[in-house]
N, C-alpha and C. Protein backbone atom coordinates (compact mmCIF):
# COMPACT_ATOMS: atom_id res chain seq x y z
N MET A 1 11.29 8.89 3.74
CA MET A 1 11.75 7.93 2.88
C MET A 1 11.71 6.63 1.70
N LEU A 2 10.57 6.81 1.54
CA LEU A 2 9.28 5.56 0.68
C LEU A 2 10.37 4.06 0.84
N GLU A 3 10.26 3.13 2.09
CA GLU A 3 10.90 1.29 1.92
C GLU A 3 10.31 0.68 0.91
N TYR A 4 11.24 0.05 0.68
CA TYR A 4 10.37 -0.80 -0.86
C TYR A 4 11.33 -2.28 -0.62
N GLU A 5 11.43 -3.01 -1.77
CA GLU A 5 11.96 -4.10 -1.28
C GLU A 5 11.87 -5.16 -2.35
N ILE A 6 12.66 -5.04 -3.56
CA ILE A 6 12.23 -6.11 -4.61
C ILE A 6 12.98 -7.39 -4.23
N HIS A 7 12.16 -8.52 -4.93
CA HIS A 7 12.57 -9.17 -4.84
C HIS A 7 11.22 -10.56 -5.43
N SER A 8 11.96 -11.60 -6.00
CA SER A 8 11.54 -12.32 -7.15
C SER A 8 9.80 -13.00 -6.58
N VAL A 9 8.77 -12.90 -7.53
CA VAL A 9 7.25 -12.96 -7.04
C VAL A 9 7.48 -14.91 -6.60
N GLU A 10 6.24 -14.31 -5.56
CA GLU A 10 6.60 -15.85 -5.33
C GLU A 10 4.27 -15.81 -6.02
N ASP A 11 4.25 -17.59 -5.77
CA ASP A 11 2.99 -17.93 -6.20
C ASP A 11 1.91 -16.80 -5.63
N HIS A 12 1.85 -16.81 -4.51
CA HIS A 12 1.47 -16.88 -3.99
C HIS A 12 0.89 -14.83 -3.50
N GLN A 13 1.77 -14.16 -4.22
CA GLN A 13 2.02 -13.27 -4.62
C GLN A 13 1.35 -13.03 -5.91
N LEU A 14 0.94 -13.54 -7.08
CA LEU A 14 0.42 -13.36 -8.42
C LEU A 14 -0.83 -12.96 -8.20
N PRO A 15 -1.93 -13.37 -7.56
CA PRO A 15 -3.28 -11.65 -7.28
C PRO A 15 -2.72 -10.35 -6.95
N LEU A 16 -1.75 -10.04 -6.46
CA LEU A 16 -1.73 -8.88 -6.40
C LEU A 16 -0.72 -8.23 -7.01
N CYS A 17 0.38 -9.05 -7.53
CA CYS A 17 0.27 -8.65 -9.16
C CYS A 17 -0.19 -7.63 -10.20
N LEU A 18 -1.41 -9.50 -10.54
CA LEU A 18 -1.93 -9.27 -10.40
C LEU A 18 -3.08 -8.11 -10.58
N GLU A 19 -3.63 -7.53 -9.28
CA GLU A 19 -4.29 -5.69 -9.73
C GLU A 19 -2.90 -4.73 -9.74
N ALA A 20 -2.04 -4.54 -9.25
CA ALA A 20 -0.94 -4.02 -10.31
C ALA A 20 -0.38 -3.54 -11.20
N LEU A 21 -0.69 -4.12 -11.78
CA LEU A 21 -1.23 -4.43 -13.52
C LEU A 21 -2.19 -4.20 -14.14
N HIS A 22 -3.62 -4.62 -13.92
CA HIS A 22 -4.49 -4.14 -14.11
C HIS A 22 -4.31 -2.48 -13.55
N SER A 23 -4.33 -2.35 -12.63
CA SER A 23 -4.16 -1.02 -12.28
C SER A 23 -3.29 0.14 -13.23
N ALA A 24 -2.40 -0.37 -12.86
CA ALA A 24 -1.91 0.48 -13.73
C ALA A 24 -1.96 1.05 -15.41
N PHE A 25 -1.42 -0.99 -16.59
CA PHE A 25 -2.12 -0.93 -17.67
C PHE A 25 -3.74 -0.51 -17.87
N GLY A 26 -4.75 -0.28 -16.43
CA GLY A 26 -6.13 -0.65 -17.33
C GLY A 26 -5.91 1.15 -17.60
N GLU A 27 -5.05 1.94 -16.69
CA GLU A 27 -5.39 3.70 -16.79
C GLU A 27 -5.48 3.82 -18.67
N MET A 28 -4.24 3.16 -18.92
CA MET A 28 -3.76 3.31 -20.48
C MET A 28 -4.35 2.99 -21.41
N ALA A 29 -4.92 2.48 -20.26
CA ALA A 29 -6.05 0.97 -21.54
C ALA A 29 -6.67 2.44 -21.83
N LYS A 30 -7.64 2.80 -20.49
CA LYS A 30 -8.50 3.51 -21.04
C LYS A 30 -8.29 5.02 -21.56
N ARG A 31 -7.56 5.52 -21.22
CA ARG A 31 -6.44 6.77 -21.44
C ARG A 31 -6.56 7.11 -23.11
N LEU A 32 -6.11 5.69 -23.43
CA LEU A 32 -6.12 5.53 -25.40
C LEU A 32 -6.94 5.14 -26.12
N GLY A 33 -8.19 4.57 -25.06
CA GLY A 33 -9.89 4.46 -25.61
C GLY A 33 -9.50 3.34 -27.00
N TYR A 34 -8.20 2.46 -25.80
CA TYR A 34 -8.76 0.82 -26.27
C TYR A 34 -9.17 -0.46 -25.20
N THR A 35 -9.35 -1.95 -25.70
CA THR A 35 -10.53 -2.31 -25.45
C THR A 35 -9.72 -3.78 -25.43
N LYS A 36 -10.14 -4.68 -24.74
CA LYS A 36 -10.26 -5.93 -24.94
C LYS A 36 -9.88 -6.12 -25.79
N GLU A 37 -10.86 -6.43 -26.76
CA GLU A 37 -11.11 -7.10 -28.48
C GLU A 37 -10.39 -5.83 -29.58
N THR A 38 -9.79 -4.69 -28.91
CA THR A 38 -8.74 -4.01 -29.87
C THR A 38 -7.54 -4.18 -29.67
N TYR A 39 -7.70 -4.54 -28.58
CA TYR A 39 -6.22 -5.12 -27.37
C TYR A 39 -5.72 -6.43 -26.51
N PRO A 40 -5.92 -7.04 -27.02
CA PRO A 40 -6.22 -8.39 -26.33
C PRO A 40 -4.67 -8.30 -25.16
N SER A 41 -4.17 -8.74 -25.54
CA SER A 41 -2.74 -8.51 -24.88
C SER A 41 -1.94 -7.78 -23.83
N SER A 42 -2.94 -6.84 -24.40
CA SER A 42 -2.54 -5.40 -22.88
C SER A 42 -2.17 -6.25 -21.93
N ALA A 43 -1.49 -6.08 -20.86
CA ALA A 43 -1.85 -6.28 -19.56
C ALA A 43 -2.54 -6.11 -18.60
N ALA A 44 -3.93 -4.74 -19.53
CA ALA A 44 -4.93 -4.25 -18.80
C ALA A 44 -6.10 -5.38 -19.18
N TYR A 45 -5.66 -6.41 -19.39
CA TYR A 45 -6.82 -8.14 -19.62
C TYR A 45 -5.86 -8.87 -19.42
N ILE A 46 -4.35 -9.36 -18.69
CA ILE A 46 -4.09 -9.93 -18.55
C ILE A 46 -5.32 -11.26 -17.17
N THR A 47 -4.73 -12.22 -17.41
CA THR A 47 -5.89 -13.41 -16.23
C THR A 47 -4.93 -14.01 -15.77
N LEU A 48 -5.02 -13.98 -14.32
CA LEU A 48 -4.44 -14.98 -13.86
C LEU A 48 -3.23 -15.53 -13.91
N GLU A 49 -4.50 -16.55 -14.57
CA GLU A 49 -4.51 -18.20 -15.46
C GLU A 49 -2.79 -17.80 -16.11
N GLU A 50 -3.31 -16.67 -16.85
CA GLU A 50 -1.64 -16.17 -17.92
C GLU A 50 -0.62 -16.22 -17.15
N LEU A 51 -0.70 -15.16 -15.75
CA LEU A 51 0.43 -14.60 -14.89
C LEU A 51 1.28 -16.24 -14.65
N GLN A 52 0.38 -17.09 -13.88
CA GLN A 52 0.82 -18.72 -13.44
C GLN A 52 1.90 -19.21 -14.20
N GLU A 53 1.20 -19.41 -15.46
CA GLU A 53 1.43 -20.16 -16.69
C GLU A 53 2.49 -18.65 -17.53
N ALA A 54 3.30 -18.10 -17.43
CA ALA A 54 4.34 -17.95 -17.27
C ALA A 54 4.93 -17.61 -16.49
N LYS A 55 4.42 -17.72 -15.01
CA LYS A 55 5.85 -18.18 -14.17
C LYS A 55 5.96 -19.35 -14.43
N ALA A 56 5.56 -20.54 -14.37
CA ALA A 56 5.93 -22.34 -14.85
C ALA A 56 6.24 -22.17 -16.27
N CYS A 57 6.52 -21.41 -16.71
CA CYS A 57 7.78 -21.79 -18.14
C CYS A 57 9.00 -21.22 -17.72
N GLY A 58 8.66 -20.28 -16.63
CA GLY A 58 10.21 -19.93 -16.27
C GLY A 58 10.44 -18.30 -16.57
N VAL A 59 9.08 -17.82 -16.79
CA VAL A 59 9.82 -16.38 -16.23
C VAL A 59 10.28 -16.00 -15.28
N HIS A 60 10.58 -14.78 -15.24
CA HIS A 60 10.85 -14.28 -14.19
C HIS A 60 9.82 -12.91 -13.67
N MET A 61 10.05 -13.18 -12.40
CA MET A 61 8.56 -11.91 -12.08
C MET A 61 9.22 -11.62 -10.27
N TYR A 62 9.39 -9.99 -11.26
CA TYR A 62 9.92 -9.37 -9.38
C TYR A 62 8.79 -8.24 -8.90
N ALA A 63 8.89 -7.79 -7.95
CA ALA A 63 8.06 -7.20 -7.33
C ALA A 63 8.01 -5.88 -7.00
N ALA A 64 8.74 -5.13 -6.36
CA ALA A 64 8.82 -4.49 -5.30
C ALA A 64 7.67 -3.97 -4.24
N CYS A 65 7.47 -4.91 -3.06
CA CYS A 65 6.58 -3.86 -1.80
C CYS A 65 7.13 -3.74 -0.93
N VAL A 66 5.87 -2.05 -0.83
CA VAL A 66 6.13 -1.24 0.17
C VAL A 66 5.52 -2.07 1.76
N GLU A 67 5.37 -1.20 2.83
CA GLU A 67 4.71 -2.89 3.43
C GLU A 67 3.15 -2.66 3.99
N GLY A 68 3.57 -4.04 4.35
CA GLY A 68 2.20 -4.21 4.24
C GLY A 68 2.28 -5.07 2.70
N GLY A 69 2.92 -5.39 2.42
CA GLY A 69 3.50 -6.61 0.79
C GLY A 69 2.35 -5.83 -0.43
N LYS A 70 2.14 -4.36 0.20
CA LYS A 70 1.59 -3.97 -1.23
C LYS A 70 2.42 -3.64 -2.33
N VAL A 71 2.30 -5.24 -3.57
CA VAL A 71 2.90 -4.35 -4.30
C VAL A 71 2.06 -2.95 -5.19
N ALA A 72 3.66 -2.40 -5.72
CA ALA A 72 4.23 -0.80 -5.55
C ALA A 72 4.57 -0.99 -7.21
N GLY A 73 5.44 -1.52 -8.11
CA GLY A 73 6.05 -2.18 -8.80
C GLY A 73 5.89 -3.64 -8.98
N TYR A 74 6.47 -3.94 -10.71
CA TYR A 74 6.43 -5.53 -10.91
C TYR A 74 7.07 -5.71 -12.37
N VAL A 75 7.45 -6.48 -12.28
CA VAL A 75 7.76 -6.46 -14.03
C VAL A 75 8.35 -7.21 -14.51
N GLN A 76 8.45 -7.78 -15.53
CA GLN A 76 9.29 -9.72 -15.68
C GLN A 76 10.00 -9.59 -16.50
N LEU A 77 10.88 -10.84 -16.56
CA LEU A 77 12.39 -10.68 -17.50
C LEU A 77 11.97 -12.24 -18.38
N GLN A 78 12.22 -12.18 -19.28
CA GLN A 78 11.97 -13.23 -20.09
C GLN A 78 12.85 -13.56 -21.04
N LYS A 79 13.71 -14.69 -21.93
CA LYS A 79 14.55 -15.19 -21.88
C LYS A 79 13.78 -15.05 -23.50
N LEU A 80 14.56 -14.21 -24.52
CA LEU A 80 13.87 -14.51 -25.97
C LEU A 80 14.72 -15.84 -26.62
N GLU A 81 16.36 -15.14 -26.44
CA GLU A 81 17.25 -15.62 -27.37
C GLU A 81 18.21 -15.90 -26.56
N THR A 82 19.35 -17.12 -26.41
CA THR A 82 20.85 -17.21 -26.45
C THR A 82 20.80 -14.92 -25.62
N GLY A 83 21.32 -14.55 -24.59
CA GLY A 83 21.45 -13.76 -24.84
C GLY A 83 20.62 -11.98 -24.66
N ILE A 84 20.25 -12.51 -25.13
CA ILE A 84 18.53 -11.67 -24.99
C ILE A 84 17.11 -11.84 -24.69
N TYR A 85 17.03 -10.74 -23.20
CA TYR A 85 16.41 -10.57 -22.79
C TYR A 85 15.35 -9.41 -22.80
N ALA A 86 13.69 -10.31 -23.19
CA ALA A 86 12.46 -9.17 -22.91
C ALA A 86 12.19 -8.59 -21.80
N PHE A 87 12.20 -7.08 -21.60
CA PHE A 87 11.67 -6.60 -19.96
C PHE A 87 10.19 -6.32 -20.44
N ARG A 88 9.22 -6.53 -19.93
CA ARG A 88 7.93 -6.56 -20.13
C ARG A 88 7.46 -7.00 -18.71
N ARG A 89 5.99 -5.79 -19.26
CA ARG A 89 4.93 -5.66 -18.57
C ARG A 89 5.46 -5.36 -16.83
N PHE A 90 6.17 -3.98 -17.51
CA PHE A 90 6.72 -2.83 -15.94
C PHE A 90 5.53 -1.82 -16.08
N ALA A 91 5.10 -2.03 -15.04
CA ALA A 91 4.17 -1.24 -13.77
C ALA A 91 4.67 -0.68 -12.01
N VAL A 92 4.26 -0.05 -12.21
CA VAL A 92 4.15 0.72 -10.95
C VAL A 92 3.32 2.00 -11.19
N LEU A 93 2.75 1.62 -10.19
CA LEU A 93 1.35 1.91 -9.86
C LEU A 93 1.38 4.59 -9.63
N PRO A 94 0.59 4.36 -9.86
CA PRO A 94 1.19 6.22 -9.75
C PRO A 94 0.94 6.44 -8.60
N GLU A 95 0.52 6.49 -7.36
CA GLU A 95 0.82 6.79 -5.62
C GLU A 95 2.01 6.43 -5.88
N TYR A 96 3.08 5.53 -6.88
CA TYR A 96 4.72 4.77 -6.21
C TYR A 96 5.45 6.16 -7.17
N GLN A 97 5.18 6.13 -8.37
CA GLN A 97 5.89 6.92 -9.77
C GLN A 97 6.70 7.98 -8.82
N LYS A 98 8.44 7.80 -9.80
CA LYS A 98 9.12 9.62 -9.19
C LYS A 98 9.32 9.09 -7.79
N LEU A 99 9.50 8.08 -7.33
CA LEU A 99 10.13 7.42 -5.78
C LEU A 99 11.47 6.92 -5.92
N GLY A 100 11.24 6.49 -6.96
CA GLY A 100 12.92 5.45 -7.35
C GLY A 100 12.53 3.90 -7.69
N ILE A 101 11.52 4.19 -7.72
CA ILE A 101 10.64 1.94 -8.31
C ILE A 101 11.19 2.06 -8.87
N GLY A 102 10.95 2.91 -10.12
CA GLY A 102 10.46 2.61 -11.67
C GLY A 102 12.52 2.12 -11.55
N ARG A 103 12.86 3.03 -11.95
CA ARG A 103 14.32 2.92 -11.49
C ARG A 103 15.53 1.66 -11.42
N ALA A 104 14.42 1.56 -9.42
CA ALA A 104 15.18 0.26 -9.35
C ALA A 104 15.06 -1.08 -9.86
N LEU A 105 13.57 -0.46 -10.50
CA LEU A 105 13.46 -2.75 -10.90
C LEU A 105 13.83 -2.46 -12.68
N VAL A 106 14.20 -1.86 -13.16
CA VAL A 106 15.04 -1.15 -14.42
C VAL A 106 16.55 -1.80 -13.87
N SER A 107 17.71 -1.80 -12.85
CA SER A 107 18.41 -1.81 -11.94
C SER A 107 18.06 -3.26 -11.70
N HIS A 108 17.54 -3.57 -11.59
CA HIS A 108 16.89 -4.82 -11.11
C HIS A 108 17.15 -6.06 -12.10
N CYS A 109 16.86 -5.69 -12.92
CA CYS A 109 16.54 -6.36 -14.52
C CYS A 109 17.44 -6.51 -14.66
N ARG A 110 18.27 -5.45 -15.27
CA ARG A 110 19.41 -5.04 -15.62
C ARG A 110 20.96 -6.05 -15.34
N GLU A 111 20.99 -6.07 -13.52
CA GLU A 111 21.83 -6.76 -13.02
C GLU A 111 21.66 -8.59 -13.09
N ARG A 112 19.61 -9.45 -13.04
CA ARG A 112 19.27 -10.32 -13.04
C ARG A 112 19.71 -11.15 -14.08
N ALA A 113 19.39 -10.19 -15.99
CA ALA A 113 19.26 -10.33 -17.52
C ALA A 113 21.42 -10.85 -17.19
N ALA A 114 22.15 -10.35 -16.95
CA ALA A 114 23.42 -9.99 -16.87
C ALA A 114 24.15 -11.07 -16.80
N LEU A 115 23.70 -11.45 -15.06
CA LEU A 115 23.44 -12.67 -14.34
C LEU A 115 23.38 -14.40 -14.94
N TYR A 116 22.26 -13.42 -16.19
CA TYR A 116 21.71 -14.91 -16.46
C TYR A 116 22.66 -15.21 -18.19
N GLY A 117 23.73 -14.67 -18.26
CA GLY A 117 24.26 -14.65 -19.13
C GLY A 117 24.13 -13.31 -20.37
N GLY A 118 22.79 -12.88 -19.90
CA GLY A 118 22.54 -11.39 -20.97
C GLY A 118 23.35 -10.25 -21.71
N LYS A 119 23.37 -10.70 -22.14
CA LYS A 119 24.53 -9.17 -23.65
C LYS A 119 22.53 -8.11 -24.12
N LYS A 120 21.50 -7.85 -23.75
CA LYS A 120 20.51 -6.98 -24.14
C LYS A 120 19.58 -7.21 -23.03
N LEU A 121 19.27 -6.01 -23.06
CA LEU A 121 17.28 -6.24 -22.71
C LEU A 121 16.33 -5.50 -24.05
N THR A 122 15.79 -5.98 -24.16
CA THR A 122 14.51 -5.39 -25.11
C THR A 122 13.21 -5.51 -24.79
N LEU A 123 12.62 -4.33 -25.14
CA LEU A 123 11.30 -3.93 -24.26
C LEU A 123 10.44 -3.06 -25.60
N ILE A 124 9.54 -3.72 -25.93
CA ILE A 124 8.08 -2.80 -26.42
C ILE A 124 6.81 -2.22 -26.33
N MET A 125 7.20 -0.42 -26.25
CA MET A 125 5.79 0.37 -25.76
C MET A 125 5.29 0.83 -26.23
N ILE A 126 4.67 1.58 -26.01
CA ILE A 126 3.13 2.75 -27.19
C ILE A 126 4.16 3.66 -27.19
N ASN A 127 4.92 4.12 -28.91
CA ASN A 127 5.01 5.03 -28.91
C ASN A 127 4.97 6.22 -28.87
N ASP A 128 3.16 6.70 -28.42
CA ASP A 128 3.16 7.76 -28.49
C ASP A 128 3.71 7.65 -26.92
N ASN A 129 3.55 7.60 -25.50
CA ASN A 129 4.54 7.19 -25.08
C ASN A 129 5.27 7.92 -24.50
N GLN A 130 5.49 9.86 -24.18
CA GLN A 130 7.08 10.25 -24.25
C GLN A 130 7.87 10.43 -23.30
N LYS A 131 7.19 10.34 -21.94
CA LYS A 131 7.26 10.28 -20.22
C LYS A 131 7.80 9.78 -20.28
N LEU A 132 7.67 7.82 -20.93
CA LEU A 132 7.18 6.49 -20.38
C LEU A 132 9.49 6.56 -21.39
N LYS A 133 9.09 6.82 -22.99
CA LYS A 133 10.48 6.68 -23.51
C LYS A 133 11.27 7.83 -23.04
N ASP A 134 11.62 8.36 -22.48
CA ASP A 134 12.02 9.07 -21.73
C ASP A 134 13.04 8.88 -21.11
N PHE A 135 12.42 7.54 -19.96
CA PHE A 135 12.01 7.57 -18.05
C PHE A 135 13.05 6.31 -19.15
N TYR A 136 12.76 5.84 -20.16
CA TYR A 136 13.91 4.01 -20.65
C TYR A 136 14.91 4.79 -21.04
N ILE A 137 15.07 6.08 -21.77
CA ILE A 137 16.25 6.42 -22.34
C ILE A 137 17.04 6.85 -21.36
N SER A 138 16.63 7.49 -20.03
CA SER A 138 17.10 8.02 -19.14
C SER A 138 17.50 6.67 -18.76
N ASN A 139 17.86 5.43 -18.82
CA ASN A 139 18.19 4.20 -18.16
C ASN A 139 19.16 4.14 -18.54
N GLY A 140 19.42 4.03 -19.74
CA GLY A 140 20.60 3.91 -20.96
C GLY A 140 19.55 2.55 -22.06
N PHE A 141 18.50 2.64 -22.16
CA PHE A 141 17.85 2.26 -23.51
C PHE A 141 17.99 3.06 -25.53
N LYS A 142 17.85 2.48 -25.91
CA LYS A 142 18.17 3.12 -26.90
C LYS A 142 16.52 2.65 -27.98
N VAL A 143 15.97 3.77 -28.84
CA VAL A 143 15.02 3.32 -29.83
C VAL A 143 15.64 2.92 -30.74
N ILE A 144 15.05 0.93 -31.18
CA ILE A 144 15.42 0.32 -32.36
C ILE A 144 14.83 0.94 -33.59
N SER A 145 13.39 1.10 -33.41
CA SER A 145 12.79 0.69 -34.01
C SER A 145 11.36 1.11 -33.97
N VAL A 146 10.50 2.05 -35.03
CA VAL A 146 8.72 2.59 -35.01
C VAL A 146 8.54 1.80 -35.75
N ASN A 147 6.94 0.79 -34.98
CA ASN A 147 5.97 0.01 -36.12
C ASN A 147 4.90 0.05 -36.02
N LYS A 148 4.39 -0.07 -37.48
CA LYS A 148 2.87 -0.31 -36.89
C LYS A 148 2.25 -1.98 -37.75
N ASP A 149 1.24 -1.95 -36.83
CA ASP A 149 0.90 -3.45 -37.59
C ASP A 149 -0.49 -4.43 -37.10
N ASP A 150 -0.64 -5.03 -37.01
CA ASP A 150 -2.21 -5.19 -37.19
C ASP A 150 -2.03 -6.06 -35.23
N THR A 151 -0.99 -6.14 -34.98
CA THR A 151 -1.62 -6.61 -33.83
C THR A 151 -1.78 -5.41 -32.44
N CYS A 152 -1.23 -4.68 -32.86
CA CYS A 152 -1.50 -3.06 -31.90
C CYS A 152 -2.02 -2.62 -32.33
N PRO A 153 -3.36 -1.55 -31.68
CA PRO A 153 -3.86 -0.77 -32.27
C PRO A 153 -3.50 0.87 -32.57
N PHE A 154 -1.89 0.79 -31.68
CA PHE A 154 -0.97 1.69 -32.30
C PHE A 154 0.37 1.74 -32.92
N GLU A 155 0.61 3.06 -32.50
CA GLU A 155 2.84 2.72 -32.78
C GLU A 155 2.79 2.64 -32.08
N TYR A 156 4.70 1.49 -31.64
CA TYR A 156 4.99 0.99 -30.98
C TYR A 156 7.04 0.94 -30.83
N SER A 157 6.98 2.00 -30.06
CA SER A 157 8.49 1.45 -30.70
C SER A 157 9.45 0.33 -29.80
N VAL A 158 10.29 0.06 -30.34
CA VAL A 158 11.19 -1.39 -30.00
C VAL A 158 12.07 -0.32 -29.74
N MET A 159 12.42 -0.98 -28.58
CA MET A 159 14.06 -0.84 -27.39
C MET A 159 14.71 -1.50 -27.47
N GLU A 160 16.05 -1.22 -27.19
CA GLU A 160 17.02 -1.89 -26.43
C GLU A 160 18.39 -1.65 -25.05
N LEU A 161 18.22 -2.17 -24.45
CA LEU A 161 19.27 -1.99 -23.49
C LEU A 161 20.73 -3.14 -23.97
N GLU A 162 22.23 -2.36 -23.85
CA GLU A 162 23.13 -3.36 -23.83
C GLU A 162 23.47 -3.42 -23.17
N LEU A 163 23.60 -4.55 -22.06
CA LEU A 163 24.25 -5.03 -20.91
C LEU A 163 26.11 -5.33 -20.79
């Protein structure tokens, strides 16, 4: 059984988190054919400075680390408004998927958001990624809407989880 630990990200771990984000989201970008020009806000193109800025602004960051300190999974929890937290930039490296890390990160964020006074988690995801959508549904999220606008090169689902 794989051993890992979920903890708050420390400043010195941000480069490792960046690598995990680029790896996980970069594969999706390649597969779907979007680029930094067509979808600049994708985590596939996030910079270390953007991660540092988010952390400095109070975005909660959690990493699932395996032996040797490798970041196998990463997620951000960001307060949007009273009682509502965004579940953002969720990534589990392909070689660590189906080992429980993703579910553990969702559960961790669910507990943390509730601890911080949250009543709801919300997320936005590529609508056509049925495998990921099914994962979120199996973790209690519900599709609230499906949208298409100029900010994304694809249809996206807005999902919510009541805490």
